Amino acid sequence: MMIRKFGEIAEMVTGTAVGGEAAMLVRGVSKDTRTIEAGNLYVPIIGERFDGHDYAKEAYDRGASATLWQRDRGEPPAGVPAIIVDDTLAALQQLAARYREQLPVRIIGVTGSNGKTTTKDMIAAVLAESYNVFKTEGNLNGDIGLPLMILRMDESTELAVLEMGMRGFGEIELLTQIARPEVAVITMIGEAHLERLGSREGIARAKLEIAAGLRSGGVLVYNGDEPLIEKLLPAAAKPDSMSCVRFGTSDQNDLQLGRVGIEADGSSFTVGSSQEPVYHIPLLGRHNAVNALAAIAVGRHFDLTPEAIASGLRKAQPTGMRIEKLQAPTGLTVLNDAYNASPASTRASLELLGELTGYGRKIVVLGDMLELGGEEEQFHWEIGEFLTPDRYDYVFAYGPLSVHMAEAARLSFPPERVRWFADKEELAQEVASVAAPEDIVLVKGSRGMRLEEVVHKLMTLQL
């Protein structure tokens, strides 16, 4: 974590220190009084329904050594060392940028509509074979989370793999300018955030903002199967000297996916026409094998041997609720992919389920895909059309938009095999009533649908 003197931090954020000794050591940063640690700098964030300034005294009483304080919020609490700034969020971001400038750490930034968290995990696992590596925790990848992650890095960190998320234009550019990566990775361009960005081309423009913060001589690693990246890259902001590495399934890529095998404990694949080495990842699905190519590209950039890269990929620890394979006490297999959903990621998960062998019936549980803009009903209808009774046995849908998914699926399925629910408890009970121990259930939906609640029910219900 960042350890700096109180006076140094005031200089780093261009603020005014009051009520504290300039030489006082500050250890780490927190915005949450519930997790504050002794010596932390408290950062009061202002939200739509809360103001962190209301908790600054509590943070100090819990052990914080000082607080940032926004100038328009009056006087800081008596006796609490404070650094007065114009905007606490901007100050947090500036502090992270300055701290990053002071470190010799080499940074890899990862973005994309889908797969960025899993790709981040695979890249970090590969690099950890040879380096002291830090990676983004969970999904702390936005304008608050990324600065906090940078400030959590130790000065001994050699490489950091930082995830960069966004919901609108300009957000990734802000993050990449703070992090200044040596390598930037774009996993894919999907439909998430269409509501804000208007089109897939708009999404591609927003994702390409990651190149704007690349250091001179940096590397852009991107999915070469996406023509929008190729189309927009020439006009995108980027350093004068930048090299590119393309990965994907077509033969135009520098790293092309070869043979893929889906196994009980993950996926194995080769690169290009080579038979060796065979790489293995503890993740199910061809789409995850594609993203593993990005991890291989990053590993090669940092001079890891093929053996070290393969070893790292085998050890990757994916973040939860991303094709998480679970076994219920009843014997039922559940694929928990409930963290998020878009049309592209839903199709990828359905393709995986269709390819799996060794199970009885294949049961699909799908929730709404959110933030898709004016075409949201059509996207849900198309997923329903994608489902066919020769590959899947039952379809259970949840949420107001998933009505359209169910209606489309009913055109090809027997009516009793497609069911829509407004209640997750009822849905889980109905799945349990038709499922057998040898069956497999895929559960997928957007974060706002919280379909992990269905997963938890399926893990405890009797069949």
Protein backbone atom coordinates (compact mmCIF):
# COMPACT_ATOMS: atom_id res chain seq x y z
CA MET A 1 0.00 0.00 0.00
CA MET A 2 0.99 3.63 -0.37
CA ILE A 3 2.95 4.94 2.62
CA ARG A 4 3.63 8.66 2.49
CA LYS A 5 3.91 11.60 4.85
CA PHE A 6 0.86 13.78 5.46
CA GLY A 7 2.62 16.78 3.92
CA GLU A 8 3.69 14.77 0.88
CA ILE A 9 0.13 13.67 0.23
CA ALA A 10 -1.06 17.29 0.42
CA GLU A 11 1.47 18.16 -2.29
CA MET A 12 0.50 15.16 -4.42
CA VAL A 13 -3.16 16.23 -4.49
CA THR A 14 -2.40 19.98 -4.68
CA GLY A 15 -4.28 20.44 -1.41
CA THR A 16 -3.90 22.40 1.82
CA ALA A 17 -2.97 20.44 4.96
CA VAL A 18 -4.60 21.52 8.21
CA GLY A 19 -4.49 20.16 11.74
CA GLY A 20 -1.71 17.60 11.32
CA GLU A 21 2.07 17.29 11.39
CA ALA A 22 3.66 17.29 7.93
CA ALA A 23 5.88 14.35 8.92
CA MET A 24 2.99 12.14 10.09
CA LEU A 25 2.97 8.85 8.19
CA VAL A 26 -0.19 7.83 6.35
CA ARG A 27 -0.59 4.17 5.46
CA GLY A 28 -3.05 3.30 2.74
CA VAL A 29 -6.34 4.79 1.61
CA SER A 30 -9.98 3.91 2.31
CA LYS A 31 -13.37 5.34 1.42
CA ASP A 32 -15.32 3.06 3.75
CA THR A 33 -15.51 3.48 7.53
CA ARG A 34 -16.52 -0.18 7.83
CA THR A 35 -13.14 -1.38 6.54
CA ILE A 36 -10.93 1.52 7.61
CA GLU A 37 -7.54 0.48 9.00
CA ALA A 38 -5.22 2.24 11.40
CA GLY A 39 -3.20 4.96 9.68
CA ASN A 40 -5.41 5.16 6.55
CA LEU A 41 -6.23 8.32 4.68
CA TYR A 42 -10.02 8.55 4.57
CA VAL A 43 -11.50 9.71 1.26
CA PRO A 44 -15.09 10.98 1.59
CA ILE A 45 -16.88 10.28 -1.67
CA ILE A 46 -20.06 12.20 -2.52
CA GLY A 47 -22.84 10.12 -4.07
CA GLU A 48 -26.42 10.75 -5.13
CA ARG A 49 -27.82 9.63 -1.77
CA PHE A 50 -24.87 9.94 0.59
CA ASP A 51 -21.97 12.17 1.49
CA GLY A 52 -18.84 10.55 2.89
CA HIS A 53 -17.99 13.78 4.69
CA ASP A 54 -20.70 12.88 7.21
CA TYR A 55 -18.53 9.96 8.32
CA ALA A 56 -15.10 11.63 8.47
CA LYS A 57 -15.11 11.90 12.28
CA GLU A 58 -16.17 8.26 12.56
CA ALA A 59 -13.33 7.25 10.21
CA TYR A 60 -10.87 9.15 12.41
CA ASP A 61 -12.24 7.56 15.57
CA ARG A 62 -11.84 4.13 13.95
CA GLY A 63 -8.15 4.74 13.28
CA ALA A 64 -7.79 6.89 10.17
CA SER A 65 -4.83 9.25 10.48
CA ALA A 66 -6.33 11.98 8.26
CA THR A 67 -9.08 12.77 5.79
CA LEU A 68 -9.46 14.49 2.48
CA TRP A 69 -12.02 17.28 2.72
CA GLN A 70 -13.89 19.02 -0.10
CA ARG A 71 -13.70 22.79 0.20
CA ASP A 72 -17.43 23.40 -0.30
CA ARG A 73 -18.34 21.13 2.63
CA GLY A 74 -17.48 23.71 5.31
CA GLU A 75 -14.91 23.09 8.02
CA PRO A 76 -13.56 19.59 8.70
CA PRO A 77 -14.33 18.02 12.10
CA ALA A 78 -12.38 19.57 14.97
CA GLY A 79 -9.20 17.71 15.80
CA VAL A 80 -9.15 15.65 12.58
CA PRO A 81 -6.10 16.23 10.35
CA ALA A 82 -7.42 17.13 6.90
CA ILE A 83 -6.25 17.98 3.40
CA ILE A 84 -8.54 20.54 1.81
CA VAL A 85 -9.18 19.97 -1.91
CA ASP A 86 -11.62 21.24 -4.51
CA ASP A 87 -13.03 17.78 -5.28
CA THR A 88 -12.37 14.63 -3.24
CA LEU A 89 -12.90 12.20 -6.13
CA ALA A 90 -10.57 14.16 -8.41
CA ALA A 91 -8.05 14.30 -5.56
CA LEU A 92 -8.21 10.51 -5.13
CA GLN A 93 -7.56 10.08 -8.83
CA GLN A 94 -4.70 12.59 -8.77
CA LEU A 95 -3.16 10.89 -5.74
CA ALA A 96 -3.24 7.54 -7.56
CA ALA A 97 -1.68 9.06 -10.69
CA ARG A 98 1.13 10.69 -8.70
CA TYR A 99 1.81 7.52 -6.72
CA ARG A 100 1.90 5.52 -9.93
CA GLU A 101 4.44 7.99 -11.38
CA GLN A 102 6.70 7.41 -8.38
CA LEU A 103 6.76 3.62 -8.82
CA PRO A 104 8.83 1.57 -11.29
CA VAL A 105 5.87 -0.80 -11.72
CA ARG A 106 4.98 -1.87 -15.26
CA ILE A 107 1.24 -1.94 -15.82
CA ILE A 108 -1.05 -4.02 -18.02
CA GLY A 109 -4.51 -2.51 -18.56
CA VAL A 110 -7.42 -4.77 -19.54
CA THR A 111 -10.79 -3.74 -20.93
CA GLY A 112 -13.52 -5.18 -23.14
CA SER A 113 -17.26 -5.69 -23.22
CA ASN A 114 -16.98 -9.25 -21.89
CA GLY A 115 -14.23 -11.37 -20.44
CA LYS A 116 -12.04 -8.64 -18.97
CA THR A 117 -12.10 -9.99 -15.41
CA THR A 118 -11.31 -13.55 -16.45
CA THR A 119 -8.61 -12.32 -18.84
CA LYS A 120 -7.12 -10.19 -16.06
CA ASP A 121 -7.01 -13.27 -13.84
CA MET A 122 -5.28 -15.36 -16.52
CA ILE A 123 -2.73 -12.65 -17.32
CA ALA A 124 -1.89 -12.20 -13.64
CA ALA A 125 -1.48 -15.97 -13.18
CA VAL A 126 0.90 -16.17 -16.14
CA LEU A 127 3.03 -13.22 -15.06
CA ALA A 128 3.19 -14.47 -11.46
CA GLU A 129 5.39 -17.31 -12.71
CA SER A 130 8.28 -14.84 -12.98
CA TYR A 131 7.27 -11.55 -11.32
CA ASN A 132 5.81 -10.01 -8.18
CA VAL A 133 2.33 -9.28 -9.52
CA PHE A 134 -0.61 -7.21 -8.28
CA LYS A 135 -4.06 -7.45 -9.87
CA THR A 136 -7.40 -5.71 -9.56
CA GLU A 137 -9.53 -7.25 -6.86
CA GLY A 138 -13.06 -8.19 -7.85
CA ASN A 139 -14.50 -5.57 -10.16
CA LEU A 140 -12.86 -2.46 -8.68
CA ASN A 141 -12.30 -1.14 -12.17
CA GLY A 142 -13.94 2.30 -12.35
CA ASP A 143 -13.16 5.90 -11.52
CA ILE A 144 -13.07 5.09 -7.80
CA GLY A 145 -11.99 1.45 -7.84
CA LEU A 146 -8.96 1.75 -10.11
CA PRO A 147 -7.35 4.59 -8.09
CA LEU A 148 -7.92 2.60 -4.90
CA MET A 149 -6.26 -0.42 -6.50
CA ILE A 150 -3.20 1.59 -7.52
CA LEU A 151 -2.90 3.01 -4.01
CA ARG A 152 -3.12 -0.52 -2.60
CA MET A 153 0.00 -1.61 -4.51
CA ASP A 154 3.23 -2.10 -2.58
CA GLU A 155 6.32 -0.34 -3.86
CA SER A 156 7.89 -3.77 -4.46
CA THR A 157 5.25 -4.62 -7.11
CA GLU A 158 6.92 -5.37 -10.43
CA LEU A 159 3.86 -5.83 -12.64
CA ALA A 160 0.24 -4.80 -12.09
CA VAL A 161 -2.74 -6.07 -14.08
CA LEU A 162 -5.49 -3.48 -13.82
CA GLU A 163 -9.01 -3.92 -15.12
CA MET A 164 -10.67 -0.86 -16.67
CA GLY A 165 -14.45 -0.67 -16.89
CA MET A 166 -16.75 2.03 -18.19
CA ARG A 167 -20.33 3.00 -18.87
CA GLY A 168 -19.75 6.02 -21.10
CA PHE A 169 -17.29 7.93 -23.25
CA GLY A 170 -14.20 9.39 -21.60
CA GLU A 171 -14.17 7.03 -18.65
CA ILE A 172 -11.52 4.60 -19.89
CA GLU A 173 -9.40 7.50 -21.12
CA LEU A 174 -9.40 8.85 -17.55
CA LEU A 175 -8.38 5.46 -16.15
CA THR A 176 -5.63 4.80 -18.67
CA GLN A 177 -4.16 8.27 -18.12
CA ILE A 178 -3.99 7.51 -14.40
CA ALA A 179 -2.45 4.04 -14.86
CA ARG A 180 -0.21 4.71 -17.90
CA PRO A 181 0.04 1.06 -18.96
CA GLU A 182 2.85 -0.48 -20.95
CA VAL A 183 0.43 -3.05 -22.39
CA ALA A 184 -3.28 -2.54 -23.09
CA VAL A 185 -5.65 -5.44 -23.81
CA ILE A 186 -9.10 -5.28 -25.44
CA THR A 187 -10.92 -8.60 -25.12
CA MET A 188 -13.92 -7.97 -27.39
CA ILE A 189 -16.61 -5.51 -28.41
CA GLY A 190 -20.13 -6.53 -27.41
CA GLU A 191 -23.46 -4.87 -26.79
CA ALA A 192 -23.13 -3.94 -23.10
CA HIS A 193 -23.84 -0.22 -22.44
CA LEU A 194 -25.56 0.33 -25.77
CA GLU A 195 -28.05 2.39 -23.81
CA ARG A 196 -25.34 5.00 -23.15
CA LEU A 197 -23.06 4.60 -26.16
CA GLY A 198 -25.63 4.24 -28.91
CA SER A 199 -24.02 1.58 -31.11
CA ARG A 200 -21.36 -1.11 -31.18
CA GLU A 201 -19.13 1.40 -32.98
CA GLY A 202 -19.60 3.76 -30.04
CA ILE A 203 -18.64 0.93 -27.68
CA ALA A 204 -15.52 0.23 -29.75
CA ARG A 205 -14.52 3.91 -29.64
CA ALA A 206 -14.92 3.92 -25.86
CA LYS A 207 -12.85 0.75 -25.42
CA LEU A 208 -10.11 2.05 -27.71
CA GLU A 209 -9.62 4.98 -25.33
CA ILE A 210 -7.33 2.61 -23.42
CA ALA A 211 -4.63 3.26 -26.05
CA ALA A 212 -4.55 6.98 -25.20
CA GLY A 213 -2.65 6.32 -21.96
CA LEU A 214 -0.19 3.78 -23.35
CA ARG A 215 3.43 4.63 -22.70
CA SER A 216 5.62 5.33 -25.70
CA GLY A 217 6.62 2.03 -27.26
CA GLY A 218 3.68 0.28 -25.63
CA VAL A 219 1.72 -2.68 -26.98
CA LEU A 220 -1.97 -2.92 -27.81
CA VAL A 221 -3.23 -6.52 -27.63
CA TYR A 222 -6.69 -6.84 -29.11
CA ASN A 223 -9.23 -9.25 -30.54
CA GLY A 224 -8.46 -9.29 -34.24
CA ASP A 225 -11.78 -10.96 -35.08
CA GLU A 226 -13.51 -7.64 -34.39
CA PRO A 227 -13.50 -5.47 -37.55
CA LEU A 228 -14.59 -2.36 -35.63
CA ILE A 229 -11.25 -2.21 -33.81
CA GLU A 230 -9.36 -2.34 -37.09
CA LYS A 231 -11.65 0.32 -38.54
CA LEU A 232 -11.37 2.78 -35.65
CA LEU A 233 -7.78 2.21 -34.52
CA PRO A 234 -6.11 4.56 -37.06
CA ALA A 235 -8.05 7.57 -35.73
CA ALA A 236 -7.82 6.60 -32.05
CA ALA A 237 -5.59 8.56 -29.67
CA LYS A 238 -2.41 6.56 -29.06
CA PRO A 239 1.35 7.04 -28.62
CA ASP A 240 3.48 7.75 -31.68
CA SER A 241 5.27 4.44 -31.29
CA MET A 242 2.96 1.54 -30.52
CA SER A 243 2.96 -2.06 -31.66
CA CYS A 244 -0.09 -4.30 -31.98
CA VAL A 245 -0.71 -7.99 -31.33
CA ARG A 246 -3.97 -9.49 -32.58
CA PHE A 247 -5.52 -12.64 -31.19
CA GLY A 248 -8.63 -14.63 -32.12
CA THR A 249 -9.97 -17.45 -34.23
CA SER A 250 -9.23 -16.26 -37.78
CA ASP A 251 -5.94 -16.78 -39.59
CA GLN A 252 -5.31 -13.03 -39.85
CA ASN A 253 -4.36 -12.93 -36.16
CA ASP A 254 -0.89 -13.07 -34.72
CA LEU A 255 -2.16 -15.62 -32.20
CA GLN A 256 -4.83 -17.88 -33.69
CA LEU A 257 -6.81 -20.37 -31.64
CA GLY A 258 -6.09 -23.92 -32.76
CA ARG A 259 -7.71 -27.10 -31.50
CA VAL A 260 -9.98 -26.76 -28.45
CA GLY A 261 -11.13 -29.50 -26.12
CA ILE A 262 -13.70 -29.02 -23.34
CA GLU A 263 -12.95 -31.24 -20.37
CA ALA A 264 -14.46 -31.82 -16.93
CA ASP A 265 -12.02 -29.48 -15.21
CA GLY A 266 -11.55 -26.83 -17.89
CA SER A 267 -10.47 -26.35 -21.49
CA SER A 268 -7.36 -27.36 -23.43
CA PHE A 269 -6.21 -25.72 -26.64
CA THR A 270 -3.34 -25.17 -29.01
CA VAL A 271 -2.18 -22.06 -30.84
CA GLY A 272 -2.33 -21.96 -34.63
CA SER A 273 -1.41 -25.15 -36.45
CA SER A 274 1.08 -26.23 -33.79
CA GLN A 275 0.33 -29.45 -31.94
CA GLU A 276 2.48 -28.39 -28.99
CA PRO A 277 2.34 -27.01 -26.46
CA VAL A 278 -1.17 -27.88 -25.35
CA TYR A 279 -2.37 -25.20 -22.96
CA HIS A 280 -4.93 -25.91 -20.24
CA ILE A 281 -7.08 -23.41 -18.37
CA PRO A 282 -9.37 -24.21 -15.41
CA LEU A 283 -12.21 -22.50 -17.26
CA LEU A 284 -14.89 -23.93 -19.47
CA GLY A 285 -15.58 -22.62 -22.95
CA ARG A 286 -14.05 -21.75 -26.29
CA HIS A 287 -14.48 -18.03 -25.52
CA ASN A 288 -12.22 -18.40 -22.49
CA ALA A 289 -9.61 -20.15 -24.62
CA VAL A 290 -9.70 -17.17 -27.00
CA ASN A 291 -9.07 -14.79 -24.11
CA ALA A 292 -6.24 -17.01 -22.90
CA LEU A 293 -4.47 -16.06 -26.14
CA ALA A 294 -4.28 -12.51 -24.81
CA ALA A 295 -2.59 -13.82 -21.67
CA ILE A 296 -0.10 -15.72 -23.84
CA ALA A 297 0.64 -12.53 -25.80
CA VAL A 298 1.26 -10.57 -22.60
CA GLY A 299 3.44 -13.36 -21.21
CA ARG A 300 5.58 -13.34 -24.34
CA HIS A 301 5.95 -9.55 -24.13
CA PHE A 302 7.41 -9.95 -20.66
CA ASP A 303 9.77 -12.70 -21.85
CA LEU A 304 8.17 -15.70 -20.17
CA THR A 305 8.98 -19.10 -21.63
CA PRO A 306 6.21 -21.24 -23.19
CA GLU A 307 6.55 -23.58 -20.22
CA ALA A 308 6.06 -20.75 -17.71
CA ILE A 309 3.06 -19.42 -19.63
CA ALA A 310 1.46 -22.87 -19.71
CA SER A 311 2.12 -23.33 -16.00
CA GLY A 312 0.55 -19.97 -15.16
CA LEU A 313 -2.56 -20.66 -17.22
CA ARG A 314 -3.07 -23.98 -15.43
CA LYS A 315 -2.95 -22.15 -12.08
CA ALA A 316 -5.33 -19.32 -12.97
CA GLN A 317 -7.91 -18.64 -10.27
CA PRO A 318 -10.98 -17.12 -11.92
CA THR A 319 -13.16 -14.64 -10.04
CA GLY A 320 -16.47 -16.17 -8.90
CA MET A 321 -19.74 -16.44 -10.85
CA ARG A 322 -17.99 -16.67 -14.23
CA ILE A 323 -18.86 -20.16 -15.56
CA GLU A 324 -18.27 -21.45 -12.02
CA LYS A 325 -18.90 -25.20 -12.05
CA LEU A 326 -20.69 -26.36 -8.89
CA GLN A 327 -21.87 -29.78 -7.75
CA ALA A 328 -24.98 -29.85 -5.57
CA PRO A 329 -25.31 -32.53 -2.86
CA THR A 330 -28.05 -34.06 -5.03
CA GLY A 331 -25.53 -34.60 -7.84
CA LEU A 332 -26.94 -31.83 -10.01
CA THR A 333 -24.27 -29.82 -11.85
CA VAL A 334 -24.77 -26.05 -11.89
CA LEU A 335 -22.82 -23.61 -14.07
CA ASN A 336 -22.96 -20.35 -12.15
CA ASP A 337 -22.46 -17.59 -14.72
CA ALA A 338 -24.64 -15.10 -12.87
CA TYR A 339 -22.20 -12.22 -12.56
CA ASN A 340 -23.32 -10.44 -15.72
CA ALA A 341 -24.81 -10.96 -19.16
CA SER A 342 -24.91 -9.44 -22.62
CA PRO A 343 -26.05 -10.99 -25.91
CA ALA A 344 -22.48 -11.97 -26.83
CA SER A 345 -21.59 -13.48 -23.46
CA THR A 346 -24.94 -15.28 -23.23
CA ARG A 347 -24.41 -16.88 -26.64
CA ALA A 348 -20.89 -17.94 -25.59
CA SER A 349 -22.20 -19.58 -22.42
CA LEU A 350 -24.99 -21.31 -24.33
CA GLU A 351 -22.49 -22.57 -26.92
CA LEU A 352 -20.44 -24.03 -24.08
CA LEU A 353 -23.46 -25.77 -22.56
CA GLY A 354 -24.35 -27.18 -25.98
CA GLU A 355 -20.85 -28.62 -26.40
CA LEU A 356 -20.64 -30.32 -23.01
CA THR A 357 -21.02 -34.10 -22.93
CA GLY A 358 -21.51 -36.66 -20.20
CA TYR A 359 -24.64 -35.12 -18.69
CA GLY A 360 -28.31 -35.95 -18.82
CA ARG A 361 -30.58 -33.07 -19.75
CA LYS A 362 -29.35 -29.53 -20.32
CA ILE A 363 -31.40 -26.89 -18.52
CA VAL A 364 -31.07 -23.18 -19.25
CA VAL A 365 -31.95 -20.49 -16.69
CA LEU A 366 -31.65 -16.99 -18.16
CA GLY A 367 -32.39 -13.56 -16.71
CA ASP A 368 -32.68 -10.13 -18.28
CA MET A 369 -29.69 -8.58 -20.06
CA LEU A 370 -29.64 -4.94 -19.00
CA GLU A 371 -28.40 -1.62 -20.48
CA LEU A 372 -29.00 -2.62 -24.10
CA GLY A 373 -30.83 0.52 -25.18
CA GLY A 374 -33.76 0.74 -27.57
CA GLU A 375 -33.17 -2.70 -29.12
CA GLU A 376 -33.30 -4.56 -25.80
CA GLU A 377 -36.47 -6.48 -26.64
CA GLN A 378 -35.01 -7.60 -29.99
CA PHE A 379 -31.78 -8.78 -28.33
CA HIS A 380 -33.79 -10.92 -25.91
CA TRP A 381 -35.93 -12.30 -28.75
CA GLU A 382 -32.77 -13.28 -30.67
CA ILE A 383 -31.42 -15.21 -27.68
CA GLY A 384 -34.73 -17.07 -27.57
CA GLU A 385 -34.36 -17.91 -31.26
CA PHE A 386 -30.80 -19.11 -30.61
CA LEU A 387 -32.14 -21.75 -28.22
CA THR A 388 -33.12 -24.97 -29.98
CA PRO A 389 -34.57 -28.21 -28.55
CA ASP A 390 -31.91 -30.35 -30.19
CA ARG A 391 -29.27 -28.78 -27.88
CA TYR A 392 -31.22 -27.79 -24.76
CA ASP A 393 -34.02 -29.55 -22.90
CA TYR A 394 -35.64 -26.86 -20.78
CA VAL A 395 -35.64 -23.06 -20.84
CA PHE A 396 -36.48 -21.07 -17.69
CA ALA A 397 -36.57 -17.28 -18.01
CA TYR A 398 -36.77 -14.59 -15.33
CA GLY A 399 -37.44 -10.87 -15.57
CA PRO A 400 -39.63 -8.52 -17.64
CA LEU A 401 -37.34 -8.46 -20.67
CA SER A 402 -36.90 -12.22 -20.67
CA VAL A 403 -40.56 -12.56 -21.58
CA HIS A 404 -39.42 -11.93 -25.16
CA MET A 405 -36.75 -14.62 -24.83
CA ALA A 406 -39.34 -17.13 -23.69
CA GLU A 407 -41.81 -16.16 -26.43
CA ALA A 408 -39.18 -16.74 -29.12
CA ALA A 409 -38.08 -20.05 -27.63
CA ARG A 410 -41.68 -21.31 -27.56
CA LEU A 411 -41.71 -21.17 -31.36
CA SER A 412 -39.39 -24.19 -31.49
CA PHE A 413 -39.79 -25.91 -28.09
CA PRO A 414 -42.74 -27.94 -26.80
CA PRO A 415 -44.74 -25.50 -24.64
CA GLU A 416 -44.10 -27.36 -21.39
CA ARG A 417 -40.32 -27.00 -21.90
CA VAL A 418 -40.26 -23.18 -21.80
CA ARG A 419 -41.37 -21.33 -18.68
CA TRP A 420 -41.21 -17.71 -17.59
CA PHE A 421 -41.18 -16.48 -13.98
CA ALA A 422 -41.47 -13.21 -12.12
CA ASP A 423 -40.29 -14.83 -8.88
CA LYS A 424 -36.87 -16.44 -8.37
CA GLU A 425 -38.05 -18.72 -5.57
CA GLU A 426 -40.75 -20.19 -7.79
CA LEU A 427 -38.27 -20.55 -10.65
CA ALA A 428 -35.78 -22.48 -8.52
CA GLN A 429 -38.52 -24.76 -7.19
CA GLU A 430 -39.70 -25.50 -10.73
CA VAL A 431 -36.17 -26.28 -11.94
CA ALA A 432 -35.73 -28.65 -9.00
CA SER A 433 -39.02 -30.36 -9.87
CA VAL A 434 -37.85 -31.33 -13.37
CA ALA A 435 -34.10 -31.78 -12.81
CA ALA A 436 -32.36 -35.08 -12.12
CA PRO A 437 -28.96 -35.69 -10.48
CA GLU A 438 -27.29 -36.34 -13.83
CA ASP A 439 -28.51 -33.08 -15.37
CA ILE A 440 -26.67 -29.78 -15.82
CA VAL A 441 -28.10 -26.29 -15.35
CA LEU A 442 -26.67 -23.04 -16.74
CA VAL A 443 -27.65 -19.91 -14.79
CA LYS A 444 -26.90 -16.57 -16.46
CA GLY A 445 -28.21 -13.01 -16.22
CA SER A 446 -27.17 -9.41 -15.72
CA ARG A 447 -25.82 -8.32 -12.35
CA GLY A 448 -29.02 -6.49 -11.51
CA MET A 449 -31.01 -9.73 -11.76
CA ARG A 450 -29.01 -11.38 -8.94
CA LEU A 451 -29.52 -14.88 -10.29
CA GLU A 452 -26.93 -16.23 -7.85
CA GLU A 453 -29.95 -16.47 -5.55
CA VAL A 454 -31.31 -19.15 -7.88
CA VAL A 455 -27.92 -20.90 -7.81
CA HIS A 456 -27.93 -20.95 -4.00
CA LYS A 457 -31.44 -22.45 -4.01
CA LEU A 458 -30.48 -25.15 -6.50
CA MET A 459 -27.53 -26.11 -4.32
CA THR A 460 -29.85 -26.85 -1.39
CA LEU A 461 -33.17 -28.01 -2.89
CA GLN A 462 -34.05 -31.68 -3.16
CA LEU A 463 -34.75 -32.97 -6.66
